[in-house]
C-alpha cells in the first residue's frame, strides 16, 4: 500500500518561516534529493538550515489546454479493449533468458533467506522492487562517532519506546536488525544525533539532517511498494523517525506529522501480524502513544485504527504491561469520544460517556497489586513551592516499572477528559421540582466539584512524572496534561511548578516545550 498522500509527504521542510514571497517551483538542491521544498525565496528553509546556496533554475512550465484541428486523424480502436500487464514476465525474461526465473511474491521484501544455490532471495528478487537488506551486517562500524551515536540510542533513547514492552524490543531487537537494514540504522543515527544537538549547542546540528536524508533516500522508494509496507523493520524505522519529527519542532517551528500517516499505513497493512511479542506489536504501541500525544496537543481524535485484537479492552487477569496498554487504548477511546463523532445524538453520546466512565473506574478497581506505587505522599495544597524541584505542589508517587508510570498516567488523562465533557454537569440542576435559584446553586456546586477534580488529577499526573524521572516519558506525559489543562490553575505556586516541569523536560531530554510554555504564560496572564 503506497504511502497516503504519496511518499513525498515525508519530505517536510527543515524549517517553517513566514515568507513574503514564494517561488512557483522548488530549488534545485531539494529537487535533486527528492525533498519537499517550502519554495521560500531567496533561500528555502532546508538550504537555510544546511547553510548552502539555494540554487534555482528559473524555468517556468505552464500547462495549457491543447486544441486539435478538425482535420486531426485518429487511430481506430475496437470497442472492447483488453489490457495485459506483462511487466513482471518481461523482467523475468530479461533476467533469466533460459526461463529459469522463479515465481516472485511479496515475501521477497522480507529478511533475506538463503536459497538452494547458496544465493539470498534478495539477489534473485524482482528488479522492480527495491532492496531493503544487506547480505552481511555492517558491524563493526568504521567510525567511532557513529558507534557513539548508536550506543547513545540503545542506552538513552530506547527506554522512551520500550515503556510497556517486557521484551524491550527497541533496546535489544531493533539494534541487532539495524546491522543489515540501512534504513533502520540511519533512522537510529539521525534520532541520536538530533537528541545530542538539541542538548549540546556545540554538537553538529546538521549531522542529524544528513542521516535523516540518507534514511529518506532509501525509505521513500520502498513505501511505493505494497509488500514493503508490511515490513516490521521499516515500521520500527518509521516509529523512530516520528520521535525525531517530534523533537525537530524546535527547529521547524511546527509539527508536520508526516510519519504518522506512514504509521497508519503500516497498521492497516500489517494488521494480521500485530501479534503480542512481535516487533510489529511493539511498534504499534509506540505509534499509538505518539498518536495520543498528537491528538491531545491538537485537541483532535485519534486516527489510528483500533479495530483489531491487539487493542485489548478486557479487564481479565493479565501481566502489568497488558494492564498499562489497556489504559493507553482507553485513553484513545476517550479522546475519540471527546473530539470525534460530533454528529452523534446527545443520547448516544451520554450512553457512550457512561460506558467509558464505568470502564475507567473498573480498570482502577481491578488493578493488580503489583501495579500499585511503592511510595506515595500527598501534597499539601497550601504549601509553597521549593525552587527548582517542583516541591510540594504535586503529590510524590514512586513506581518501580515504566509500564506502571505510563499506564496510570494515561488512565488519569482519560479521567480528566471524561470529567471535562461530563454530561451530568449540564443536567445536574434541570429538575422540575427545583426553583431557578436552587437549580443555579446546584449547577454551580457541581461545576466547582468537577473543577477541583480536574486540578487534583493534573497534579497527580505531574507528580507521577516528577517522582519517576528515571523514565523520561513520564515527564513527557506530564507536559501533555499541562498543555491540555494547565490554564485552569490560578495559584502562582502551581503555575511555577508546572512551568518548571516544562523547562526541565526540554533541558534534560531535548523535548521542545517552548510553545507550551508561552501558551501557559499567556493563559496565566504573565505575558500579554
Protein backbone atom coordinates (compact mmCIF):
# COMPACT_ATOMS: atom_id res chain seq x y z
CA UNK A 1 0.00 0.00 0.00
CA UNK A 2 1.65 3.23 -1.07
CA UNK A 3 2.04 5.96 1.49
CA UNK A 4 -1.13 8.08 1.89
CA UNK A 5 -0.57 11.38 0.16
CA UNK A 6 2.41 9.95 -1.70
CA UNK A 7 5.95 9.31 -0.46
CA UNK A 8 6.70 12.99 -0.94
CA UNK A 9 4.60 13.65 2.15
CA UNK A 10 7.64 12.64 4.19
CA UNK A 11 9.81 15.34 2.75
CA UNK A 12 8.78 18.07 5.15
CA UNK A 13 10.59 21.42 5.26
CA UNK A 14 13.52 21.74 7.62
CA UNK A 15 12.11 24.93 9.00
CA UNK A 16 8.88 26.89 8.98
CA UNK A 17 9.02 30.61 8.29
CA UNK A 18 6.63 33.35 7.40
CA UNK A 19 7.66 34.36 3.90
CA UNK A 20 6.67 37.34 1.84
CA UNK A 21 7.44 35.65 -1.49
CA UNK A 22 7.31 32.06 -2.70
CA UNK A 23 8.62 30.61 -5.91
CA UNK A 24 6.33 28.57 -8.13
CA UNK A 25 8.90 25.76 -8.09
CA UNK A 26 11.26 24.24 -5.53
CA UNK A 27 15.01 24.81 -5.53
CA UNK A 28 17.45 22.51 -7.34
CA UNK A 29 19.01 21.20 -4.10
CA UNK A 30 15.66 19.90 -2.83
CA UNK A 31 14.71 18.53 -6.25
CA UNK A 32 17.97 16.58 -6.57
CA UNK A 33 17.46 14.99 -3.13
CA UNK A 34 13.73 14.36 -3.72
CA UNK A 35 12.80 16.53 -0.73
CA UNK A 36 9.82 18.80 -0.38
CA UNK A 37 10.85 22.45 -0.69
CA UNK A 38 8.97 25.26 1.05
CA UNK A 39 9.71 27.45 -2.07
CA UNK A 40 10.59 30.47 0.09
CA UNK A 41 12.79 32.98 -1.77
CA UNK A 42 15.59 33.86 -1.91
CA UNK A 43 16.61 30.93 0.36
CA UNK A 44 14.37 27.97 1.18
CA UNK A 45 14.15 26.51 4.69
CA UNK A 46 16.27 23.43 4.00
CA UNK A 47 19.09 25.40 2.39
CA UNK A 48 18.95 27.91 5.24
CA UNK A 49 19.42 25.18 7.85
CA UNK A 50 22.14 23.45 5.78
CA UNK A 51 23.88 26.81 5.19
CA UNK A 52 24.24 26.22 1.44
CA UNK A 53 23.43 28.34 -1.62
CA UNK A 54 19.82 27.94 -2.73
CA UNK A 55 20.01 27.19 -6.47
CA UNK A 56 17.05 27.78 -8.77
CA UNK A 57 16.72 27.09 -12.49
CA UNK A 58 14.48 29.97 -13.37
CA UNK A 59 12.44 27.67 -15.58
CA UNK A 60 8.69 28.14 -15.55
CA UNK A 61 6.47 25.46 -17.00
CA UNK A 62 2.88 26.34 -17.76
CA UNK A 63 0.38 23.68 -18.72
CA UNK A 64 -2.01 24.76 -21.47
CA UNK A 65 -5.04 23.02 -22.91
CA UNK A 66 -4.15 21.53 -26.30
CA UNK A 67 -6.72 22.05 -29.07
CA UNK A 68 -6.81 19.73 -32.07
CA UNK A 69 -7.86 20.78 -35.55
CA UNK A 70 -10.91 19.40 -37.26
CA UNK A 71 -8.65 17.57 -39.76
CA UNK A 72 -6.85 15.66 -36.97
CA UNK A 73 -6.72 11.92 -37.83
CA UNK A 74 -7.08 9.36 -35.04
CA UNK A 75 -6.20 5.67 -34.86
CA UNK A 76 -9.22 3.43 -34.90
CA UNK A 77 -9.62 1.18 -31.85
CA UNK A 78 -12.06 -1.65 -31.18
CA UNK A 79 -14.97 -1.05 -28.84
CA UNK A 80 -13.67 -3.56 -26.30
CA UNK A 81 -10.09 -3.23 -25.07
CA UNK A 82 -8.19 -5.81 -23.08
CA UNK A 83 -5.15 -4.66 -21.10
CA UNK A 84 -2.43 -7.22 -20.34
CA UNK A 85 0.17 -6.47 -17.65
CA UNK A 86 3.38 -8.10 -18.86
CA UNK A 87 5.76 -6.14 -16.64
CA UNK A 88 6.78 -9.00 -14.34
CA UNK A 89 7.14 -11.55 -17.14
CA UNK A 90 9.24 -9.16 -19.24
CA UNK A 91 11.57 -8.51 -16.31
CA UNK A 92 11.94 -12.22 -15.60
CA UNK A 93 12.68 -12.97 -19.25
CA UNK A 94 15.38 -10.31 -19.26
CA UNK A 95 16.94 -11.70 -16.07
CA UNK A 96 16.51 -15.39 -16.98
CA UNK A 97 16.58 -15.90 -20.77
CA UNK A 98 16.55 -19.66 -20.25
CA UNK A 99 13.21 -19.44 -18.48
CA UNK A 100 14.63 -20.44 -15.10
CA UNK A 101 13.17 -17.46 -13.27
CA UNK A 102 11.20 -18.41 -10.19
CA UNK A 103 7.80 -17.03 -9.27
CA UNK A 104 8.09 -13.90 -7.19
CA UNK A 105 5.90 -12.82 -4.34
CA UNK A 106 5.71 -10.31 -1.54
CA UNK A 107 7.96 -12.41 0.68
CA UNK A 108 10.98 -11.22 -1.28
CA UNK A 109 10.87 -8.00 0.67
CA UNK A 110 11.28 -9.85 3.95
CA UNK A 111 14.50 -10.75 5.76
CA UNK A 112 16.98 -12.29 3.25
CA UNK A 113 16.94 -16.10 3.22
CA UNK A 114 19.41 -18.43 1.54
CA UNK A 115 18.15 -20.40 -1.47
CA UNK A 116 19.23 -23.86 -2.56
CA UNK A 117 22.01 -22.46 -4.76
CA UNK A 118 23.52 -20.51 -1.87
CA UNK A 119 22.28 -17.11 -3.04
CA UNK A 120 19.98 -14.98 -0.96
CA UNK A 121 16.46 -14.34 -2.16
CA UNK A 122 17.34 -10.64 -2.26
CA UNK A 123 19.86 -11.44 -5.01
CA UNK A 124 17.20 -13.10 -7.17
CA UNK A 125 14.43 -10.65 -6.30
CA UNK A 126 12.32 -8.84 -8.83
CA UNK A 127 14.27 -5.87 -10.20
CA UNK A 128 11.15 -3.72 -9.93
CA UNK A 129 11.26 -4.00 -6.13
CA UNK A 130 13.86 -2.09 -4.11
CA UNK A 131 16.18 -3.95 -1.81
CA UNK A 132 15.79 -3.50 1.94
CA UNK A 133 18.58 -5.57 3.46
CA UNK A 134 22.31 -6.08 3.17
CA UNK A 135 23.80 -9.56 2.79
CA UNK A 136 26.08 -9.05 5.80
CA UNK A 137 25.80 -6.85 8.89
CA UNK A 138 27.88 -3.68 8.96
CA UNK A 139 29.49 -4.47 12.32
CA UNK A 140 31.87 -3.21 13.44
CA UNK A 141 31.16 0.35 12.37
CA UNK A 142 34.13 2.14 10.84
CA UNK A 143 33.59 5.48 12.59
CA UNK A 144 33.78 5.96 16.34
CA UNK A 145 31.33 8.87 16.26
CA UNK A 146 28.69 6.72 14.53
CA UNK A 147 29.24 3.94 17.05
CA UNK A 148 28.83 6.52 19.80
CA UNK A 149 25.51 7.68 18.35
CA UNK A 150 24.33 4.09 18.04
CA UNK A 151 25.22 3.38 21.66
CA UNK A 152 23.51 6.61 22.72
CA UNK A 153 20.27 5.38 21.17
CA UNK A 154 20.50 1.99 22.89
CA UNK A 155 21.43 3.35 26.31
CA UNK A 156 19.47 6.62 26.43
CA UNK A 157 16.61 6.65 23.92
CA UNK A 158 15.35 3.08 23.61
CA UNK A 159 13.75 3.39 27.06
CA UNK A 160 11.47 6.07 25.59
CA UNK A 161 9.96 3.43 23.31
CA UNK A 162 10.08 0.25 25.43
CA UNK A 163 7.84 1.59 28.20
CA UNK A 164 5.20 -1.14 28.09
CA UNK A 165 7.23 -3.83 26.35
CA UNK A 166 8.61 -6.54 28.64
CA UNK A 167 10.89 -7.73 25.80
CA UNK A 168 12.46 -4.27 25.37
CA UNK A 169 12.31 -4.63 21.59
CA UNK A 170 13.85 -1.25 20.75
CA UNK A 171 16.77 -1.87 23.10
CA UNK A 172 17.52 -5.44 22.02
CA UNK A 173 15.85 -6.49 18.76
CA UNK A 174 15.99 -3.23 16.79
CA UNK A 175 19.76 -2.59 17.23
CA UNK A 176 20.52 -6.15 16.16
CA UNK A 177 18.44 -5.85 13.00
CA UNK A 178 19.84 -2.42 12.15
CA UNK A 179 23.11 -4.09 11.17
CA UNK A 180 21.59 -5.37 7.93
CA UNK A 181 18.89 -2.71 7.41
CA UNK A 182 20.37 0.66 6.33
CA UNK A 183 17.01 2.43 6.67
CA UNK A 184 16.74 1.37 10.30
CA UNK A 185 20.38 2.17 11.06
CA UNK A 186 20.20 5.68 9.59
CA UNK A 187 16.95 6.36 11.46
CA UNK A 188 18.68 5.41 14.72
CA UNK A 189 21.70 7.60 13.97
CA UNK A 190 19.51 10.55 12.94
CA UNK A 191 17.50 10.46 16.17
CA UNK A 192 20.60 10.09 18.35
CA UNK A 193 22.31 12.98 16.56
CA UNK A 194 19.27 15.25 16.91
CA UNK A 195 18.95 14.43 20.61
CA UNK A 196 22.62 15.27 21.12
CA UNK A 197 22.47 18.53 19.15
CA UNK A 198 19.33 19.70 20.97
CA UNK A 199 21.03 19.15 24.33
CA UNK A 200 24.52 20.37 23.38
CA UNK A 201 24.84 23.57 21.38
CA UNK A 202 28.38 22.58 20.42
CA UNK A 203 27.24 19.39 18.69
CA UNK A 204 26.99 19.43 14.88
CA UNK A 205 23.33 20.33 14.31
CA UNK A 206 23.48 19.32 10.63
CA UNK A 207 24.63 15.75 11.33
CA UNK A 208 21.07 14.61 12.09
CA UNK A 209 19.90 16.10 8.79
CA UNK A 210 22.48 14.10 6.85
CA UNK A 211 21.49 10.79 8.43
CA UNK A 212 17.82 11.71 8.00
CA UNK A 213 18.31 12.40 4.29
CA UNK A 214 20.16 9.11 3.84
CA UNK A 215 17.29 7.32 5.51
CA UNK A 216 14.65 9.03 3.35
CA UNK A 217 16.64 8.35 0.19
CA UNK A 218 16.12 4.63 0.80
CA UNK A 219 12.77 4.72 2.59
CA UNK A 220 10.68 6.82 0.21
CA UNK A 221 11.04 4.47 -2.80
CA UNK A 222 10.28 1.49 -0.56
CA UNK A 223 6.96 2.96 0.54
CA UNK A 224 5.69 2.87 -3.03
CA UNK A 225 5.56 -0.93 -2.85
CA UNK A 226 2.71 -2.70 -1.09
CA UNK A 227 4.89 -5.54 0.17
CA UNK A 228 7.35 -3.29 1.98
CA UNK A 229 4.57 -1.58 3.95
CA UNK A 230 4.33 -4.86 5.83
CA UNK A 231 7.99 -4.99 6.83
CA UNK A 232 8.26 -4.63 10.60
CA UNK A 233 11.81 -3.27 10.48
CA UNK A 234 10.68 -0.40 8.26
CA UNK A 235 7.78 0.03 10.68
CA UNK A 236 10.32 0.42 13.51
CA UNK A 237 12.31 2.92 11.45
CA UNK A 238 9.15 4.98 10.90
CA UNK A 239 8.43 5.00 14.64
CA UNK A 240 11.97 6.25 15.34
CA UNK A 241 11.64 8.93 12.66
CA UNK A 242 8.39 10.11 14.25
CA UNK A 243 10.27 10.67 17.53
CA UNK A 244 12.80 12.66 15.51
CA UNK A 245 9.98 14.66 13.93
CA UNK A 246 8.55 15.50 17.36
CA UNK A 247 11.95 16.71 18.53
CA UNK A 248 12.53 18.82 15.41
CA UNK A 249 9.54 21.03 16.20
CA UNK A 250 12.09 23.26 17.92
CA UNK A 251 13.91 23.73 14.59
CA UNK A 252 10.98 23.63 12.18
CA UNK A 253 8.57 25.69 14.25
CA UNK A 254 5.67 23.29 13.71
CA UNK A 255 4.83 19.58 13.81
CA UNK A 256 4.22 18.31 10.27
CA UNK A 257 3.09 14.85 11.49
CA UNK A 258 4.38 13.31 8.25
CA UNK A 259 5.35 9.96 9.75
CA UNK A 260 2.01 9.41 11.48
CA UNK A 261 0.44 8.79 8.07
CA UNK A 262 3.10 6.17 7.37
CA UNK A 263 2.39 4.56 10.74
CA UNK A 264 -1.31 4.36 9.85
CA UNK A 265 -0.39 2.60 6.59
CA UNK A 266 1.73 0.03 8.42
CA UNK A 267 -1.06 -0.67 10.93
CA UNK A 268 -3.63 -1.09 8.15
CA UNK A 269 -1.46 -3.34 6.00
CA UNK A 270 0.13 -5.38 8.80
CA UNK A 271 -2.95 -5.86 10.98
CA UNK A 272 -2.66 -9.64 10.60
CA UNK A 273 0.89 -9.55 12.02
CA UNK A 274 0.05 -7.43 15.06
CA UNK A 275 0.63 -10.34 17.40
CA UNK A 276 1.83 -9.90 21.01
CA UNK A 277 5.56 -10.44 21.33
CA UNK A 278 6.45 -9.30 17.80
CA UNK A 279 8.30 -6.16 16.78
CA UNK A 280 5.21 -5.06 14.85
CA UNK A 281 3.20 -5.17 18.08
CA UNK A 282 5.86 -3.16 19.91
CA UNK A 283 5.80 -0.59 17.10
CA UNK A 284 2.01 -0.40 17.26
CA UNK A 285 2.01 0.51 20.95
CA UNK A 286 4.64 3.20 20.50
CA UNK A 287 2.76 4.52 17.47
CA UNK A 288 -0.49 4.67 19.44
CA UNK A 289 1.14 6.68 22.22
CA UNK A 290 2.57 9.02 19.57
CA UNK A 291 -0.90 9.37 18.08
CA UNK A 292 -2.37 10.17 21.52
CA UNK A 293 0.30 12.84 22.01
CA UNK A 294 -0.68 14.43 18.69
CA UNK A 295 -4.40 14.19 19.44
CA UNK A 296 -4.08 15.67 22.91
CA UNK A 297 -1.84 18.55 21.85
CA UNK A 298 -4.13 19.37 18.92
CA UNK A 299 -7.46 18.52 20.61
CA UNK A 300 -8.34 16.06 17.84
CA UNK A 301 -9.49 12.45 17.56
CA UNK A 302 -7.08 9.53 17.26
CA UNK A 303 -6.83 8.45 13.62
CA UNK A 304 -5.02 5.14 14.07
CA UNK A 305 -7.14 2.04 13.60
CA UNK A 306 -8.02 0.33 16.89
CA UNK A 307 -10.23 -2.37 15.39
CA UNK A 308 -8.02 -5.40 15.86
CA UNK A 309 -7.29 -7.96 18.55
CA UNK A 310 -4.15 -6.25 19.84
CA UNK A 311 -6.23 -3.32 21.12
CA UNK A 312 -7.36 -5.17 24.24
CA UNK A 313 -10.27 -3.61 26.16
CA UNK A 314 -10.95 -6.51 28.50
CA UNK A 315 -10.40 -6.43 32.26
CA UNK A 316 -9.34 -10.04 32.67
CA UNK A 317 -6.24 -11.04 34.64
CA UNK A 318 -3.06 -10.18 32.76
CA UNK A 319 0.54 -9.04 33.19
CA UNK A 320 1.38 -5.47 34.15
CA UNK A 321 2.35 -4.37 30.63
CA UNK A 322 -1.03 -5.53 29.32
CA UNK A 323 -2.82 -3.50 32.01
CA UNK A 324 -0.82 -0.44 31.01
CA UNK A 325 -1.59 -0.91 27.31
CA UNK A 326 -5.29 -1.28 28.11
CA UNK A 327 -5.15 2.15 29.75
CA UNK A 328 -3.49 3.56 26.62
CA UNK A 329 -6.26 2.16 24.38
CA UNK A 330 -8.86 3.52 26.81
CA UNK A 331 -7.28 6.97 26.65
CA UNK A 332 -7.53 6.84 22.85
CA UNK A 333 -11.19 5.80 23.09
CA UNK A 334 -11.90 8.75 25.39
CA UNK A 335 -10.19 11.22 23.05
CA UNK A 336 -12.24 9.85 20.16
CA UNK A 337 -15.39 10.36 22.24
CA UNK A 338 -14.42 13.94 23.06
CA UNK A 339 -13.20 15.07 19.64
CA UNK A 340 -14.81 12.68 17.17
CA UNK A 341 -18.34 11.62 16.15
CA UNK A 342 -19.77 15.04 16.95
CA UNK A 343 -22.76 14.21 14.74
CA UNK A 344 -23.94 11.55 17.19
CA UNK A 345 -27.15 12.37 19.01
CA UNK A 346 -26.96 13.57 22.60
CA UNK A 347 -28.49 10.35 23.96
CA UNK A 348 -25.84 8.27 22.18
CA UNK A 349 -23.03 10.42 23.49
CA UNK A 350 -24.48 10.29 27.01
CA UNK A 351 -24.60 6.49 26.85
CA UNK A 352 -21.07 6.24 25.47
CA UNK A 353 -19.75 8.58 28.16
CA UNK A 354 -21.29 6.32 30.81
CA UNK A 355 -19.65 3.23 29.30
CA UNK A 356 -16.23 4.89 29.25
CA UNK A 357 -16.65 6.21 32.79
CA UNK A 358 -17.54 2.75 34.12
CA UNK A 359 -14.60 1.16 32.30
CA UNK A 360 -12.25 3.79 33.76
CA UNK A 361 -13.45 3.06 37.27
CA UNK A 362 -13.31 -0.72 36.75
CA UNK A 363 -9.73 -0.55 35.47
CA UNK A 364 -8.68 1.24 38.63
CA UNK A 365 -10.63 -1.10 40.92
CA UNK A 366 -9.23 -4.29 39.33
CA UNK A 367 -5.67 -3.05 39.02
CA UNK A 368 -3.28 -5.78 40.25
CA UNK A 369 -1.38 -5.07 43.48
CA UNK A 370 1.87 -5.29 41.50
CA UNK A 371 0.87 -2.07 39.70
CA UNK A 372 0.48 -0.03 42.88
CA UNK A 373 3.08 2.66 43.73
CA UNK A 374 5.91 1.70 46.06
CA UNK A 375 5.71 5.10 47.78
CA UNK A 376 3.15 7.89 47.85
CA UNK A 377 2.99 11.16 49.76
CA UNK A 378 0.13 13.54 49.09
CA UNK A 379 0.86 17.22 48.52
CA UNK A 380 -0.34 19.98 50.82
CA UNK A 381 -2.43 22.31 48.73
CA UNK A 382 -1.49 25.36 50.79
CA UNK A 383 2.24 24.66 50.79
CA UNK A 384 4.65 26.75 48.78
CA UNK A 385 6.96 25.57 46.05
CA UNK A 386 10.60 24.82 46.62
CA UNK A 387 12.76 26.37 43.96
CA UNK A 388 13.68 24.17 41.07
CA UNK A 389 12.27 20.79 42.13
CA UNK A 390 8.51 21.08 41.77
CA UNK A 391 8.17 20.97 45.54
CA UNK A 392 5.01 20.03 47.38
CA UNK A 393 2.73 21.41 44.67
CA UNK A 394 2.37 17.81 43.45
CA UNK A 395 2.00 14.50 45.27
CA UNK A 396 5.13 12.37 45.33
CA UNK A 397 4.43 9.00 43.69
CA UNK A 398 7.10 6.38 43.02
CA UNK A 399 6.80 3.30 40.80
CA UNK A 400 9.31 0.57 40.11
CA UNK A 401 8.36 -0.05 36.46
CA UNK A 402 7.89 2.26 33.50
CA UNK A 403 4.70 0.45 32.43
CA UNK A 404 3.13 1.36 35.80
CA UNK A 405 4.03 5.02 35.25
CA UNK A 406 2.62 5.23 31.73
CA UNK A 407 -0.43 3.09 32.46
CA UNK A 408 -1.54 5.15 35.45
CA UNK A 409 -0.86 8.48 33.72
CA UNK A 410 -2.97 7.52 30.70
CA UNK A 411 -5.79 6.30 32.94
CA UNK A 412 -5.72 9.65 34.75
CA UNK A 413 -5.63 11.56 31.45
CA UNK A 414 -8.68 9.62 30.30
CA UNK A 415 -10.49 10.51 33.52
CA UNK A 416 -9.50 14.14 33.03
CA UNK A 417 -11.16 14.35 29.63
CA UNK A 418 -14.20 12.41 30.84
CA UNK A 419 -14.54 14.97 33.63
CA UNK A 420 -14.26 17.82 31.15
CA UNK A 421 -17.14 16.52 28.98
CA UNK A 422 -19.27 15.13 31.82
CA UNK A 423 -22.88 15.46 30.58
CA UNK A 424 -24.24 15.20 34.12
CA UNK A 425 -22.94 18.70 34.84
CA UNK A 426 -25.37 20.11 32.26
CA UNK A 427 -28.31 18.17 33.72
CA UNK A 428 -27.45 18.47 37.41
CA UNK A 429 -29.86 21.34 38.08
CA UNK A 430 -32.52 20.63 35.49
CA UNK A 431 -35.05 19.00 37.83
CA UNK A 432 -38.56 20.42 37.52
CA UNK A 433 -39.11 20.42 41.31
CA UNK A 434 -36.29 22.90 41.92
CA UNK A 435 -36.62 26.66 41.82
CA UNK A 436 -34.48 28.66 39.41
CA UNK A 437 -32.24 29.80 42.26
CA UNK A 438 -31.80 26.23 43.55
CA UNK A 439 -31.00 24.97 40.04
CA UNK A 440 -28.35 27.65 39.61
CA UNK A 441 -26.82 26.86 43.01
CA UNK A 442 -26.72 23.09 42.32
CA UNK A 443 -25.20 23.59 38.87
CA UNK A 444 -22.53 25.89 40.30
CA UNK A 445 -21.73 23.42 43.08
CA UNK A 446 -21.43 20.51 40.61
CA UNK A 447 -19.24 22.54 38.26
CA UNK A 448 -16.95 23.59 41.12
CA UNK A 449 -16.61 19.96 42.22
CA UNK A 450 -15.55 18.97 38.69
CA UNK A 451 -13.05 21.82 38.54
CA UNK A 452 -11.43 20.70 41.78
CA UNK A 453 -11.30 17.12 40.47
CA UNK A 454 -9.56 18.30 37.29
CA UNK A 455 -6.91 20.15 39.31
CA UNK A 456 -6.38 17.09 41.51
CA UNK A 457 -5.93 14.78 38.50
CA UNK A 458 -3.47 17.13 36.76
CA UNK A 459 -1.43 17.39 39.95
CA UNK A 460 -1.30 13.60 40.18
CA UNK A 461 -0.17 13.16 36.56
CA UNK A 462 2.56 15.74 37.18
CA UNK A 463 3.54 14.16 40.49
CA UNK A 464 3.99 10.77 38.82
CA UNK A 465 6.21 12.35 36.17
CA UNK A 466 8.36 14.26 38.66
CA UNK A 467 8.63 11.28 41.01
CA UNK A 468 9.81 8.91 38.27
CA UNK A 469 12.25 10.94 36.21
CA UNK A 470 14.32 7.81 35.65
CA UNK A 471 11.79 7.07 32.88
CA UNK A 472 11.66 10.34 30.88
CA UNK A 473 8.31 9.69 29.12
CA UNK A 474 6.66 10.18 32.50
CA UNK A 475 7.72 13.82 32.25
CA UNK A 476 6.58 13.97 28.61
CA UNK A 477 3.11 12.80 29.67
CA UNK A 478 3.05 15.38 32.45
CA UNK A 479 3.75 18.05 29.82
CA UNK A 480 0.74 16.78 27.84
CA UNK A 481 -1.51 17.23 30.88
CA UNK A 482 -0.16 20.74 31.44
CA UNK A 483 -0.72 21.67 27.79
CA UNK A 484 -4.34 20.48 27.93
CA UNK A 485 -5.36 21.61 31.43
CA UNK A 486 -2.68 23.95 32.78
CA UNK A 487 -4.74 27.06 32.04
CA UNK A 488 -7.17 26.04 34.81
CA UNK A 489 -4.64 26.77 37.57
CA UNK A 490 -4.76 30.21 39.16
CA UNK A 491 -2.34 29.82 42.08
CA UNK A 492 1.13 31.16 41.31
CA UNK A 493 2.78 28.24 43.12
CA UNK A 494 1.02 25.71 40.88
CA UNK A 495 1.90 27.67 37.76
CA UNK A 496 5.58 27.91 38.67
CA UNK A 497 5.73 24.19 39.45
CA UNK A 498 4.22 23.28 36.08
CA UNK A 499 6.50 25.70 34.25
CA UNK A 500 9.44 24.01 35.98
CA UNK A 501 8.33 20.63 34.57
CA UNK A 502 8.20 22.08 31.05
CA UNK A 503 11.65 23.65 31.36
CA UNK A 504 13.21 20.54 32.91
CA UNK A 505 11.81 18.33 30.17
CA UNK A 506 13.32 20.49 27.45
CA UNK A 507 16.68 20.94 29.18
CA UNK A 508 17.28 17.32 30.19
CA UNK A 509 15.56 15.43 27.40
CA UNK A 510 15.61 17.83 24.42
CA UNK A 511 11.83 17.65 24.03
CA UNK A 512 10.57 21.02 22.75
CA UNK A 513 8.21 22.70 25.22
CA UNK A 514 8.78 26.39 24.44
CA UNK A 515 5.45 26.73 22.64
CA UNK A 516 3.53 25.25 25.58
CA UNK A 517 5.45 27.50 27.98
CA UNK A 518 4.38 30.56 26.03
CA UNK A 519 0.75 29.41 25.88
CA UNK A 520 0.65 28.82 29.62
CA UNK A 521 2.23 32.17 30.43
CA UNK A 522 -0.39 33.92 28.29
CA UNK A 523 -3.26 31.96 29.82
CA UNK A 524 -1.98 32.77 33.33
CA UNK A 525 -1.62 36.45 32.47
CA UNK A 526 2.15 36.51 32.89
CA UNK A 527 2.60 37.98 29.42
CA UNK A 528 0.20 39.70 27.05
